[in-house]
């Protein structure tokens, strides 16, 4: 492409963006909530609507030619119904609000369900449709009852994924007119790395089982202490309690398993993406086994920890990890 052609193309695209922002796919992402108003709602007749218009014209010409007042009245009634259907459909789109976009947790390669929350306002809205890429979803909204509409993303990659352009449209109630508008929400969702299957066993920890202990309901007695209401009866030292005239319980210790260290640099023979898939599988396996773990990446270190917050932090770091140079 020459410089002159590129300059002309840029000017044409800029003009289209200024003059027809809702018709083009060039509109920039918009913050939520986004409200549809009359300036961004467009109407065109459908194929059925065009044929219906031709039929009305033929009926009108015939009725006037033969002076048939009943036929003229019928033509006017049908034309009025067609015009009323246009305003009914337009009214169903005007004022519709996209309030929120949420996505389910997913890993690369999986289908992600994204939910768009629509608010109808004070009036019910029927016969609405949502189109994203090749996916269509039909929905209706009762008055003052926000609802979620789900669309699916396939073949996702790890990292941030943008929603992109979404078309909301309707041909309600008679299918004579197509009324539509574009939404481009400023929203993205995070996709975690794919999970290696089958994953190898968890690596050994870096601690020492024989030296690392903590108080807990285990089997090894390490001393006596006063009884507490929450103590189980099996820990009561009855002989010692009889000697001291007070209830005493055995203070037990439970050995702690090694803390897992999931280190990216310790995985040999795999490329960057394969290592991230293995670390993702290990994070999920450690959570399932309820073992504390630390994640070591070249960019950062997270942990030790356990639980939903720690798991999300680790998976987020893996999802946003840069590729190999």
Foldseek 3Di string as FASTA:
>chain_A
DDPVVVVVVVVVVVVCCVPQVFVDLPHDADAPWDFDAPVFKDKDWDPVLVVVVVVLVVLCVVCVVVVPVVSNVVSVVVVVVVVVQVVLFVVLRHGKIFGDKDWDAAAAQDKIKIKTKIAREQAKHAFKWKDDDHDIDTDIGHGRGIDIDIDIDGRGAFAKDARGKMKMWGCPDPNGMIMITIHRHPDIDGHFHAADPPADDADAADDDQVPDKDWDPDDDFDDKDADDPPDDPVQWPVVVCVVVVGTIGGTDMDTAGGAGELELVVDPDDFLSVSLNNSLNNLVVCQVVVHFYWYHDPVDIADRDYDDVSSVVVRNCSSPPDGDD
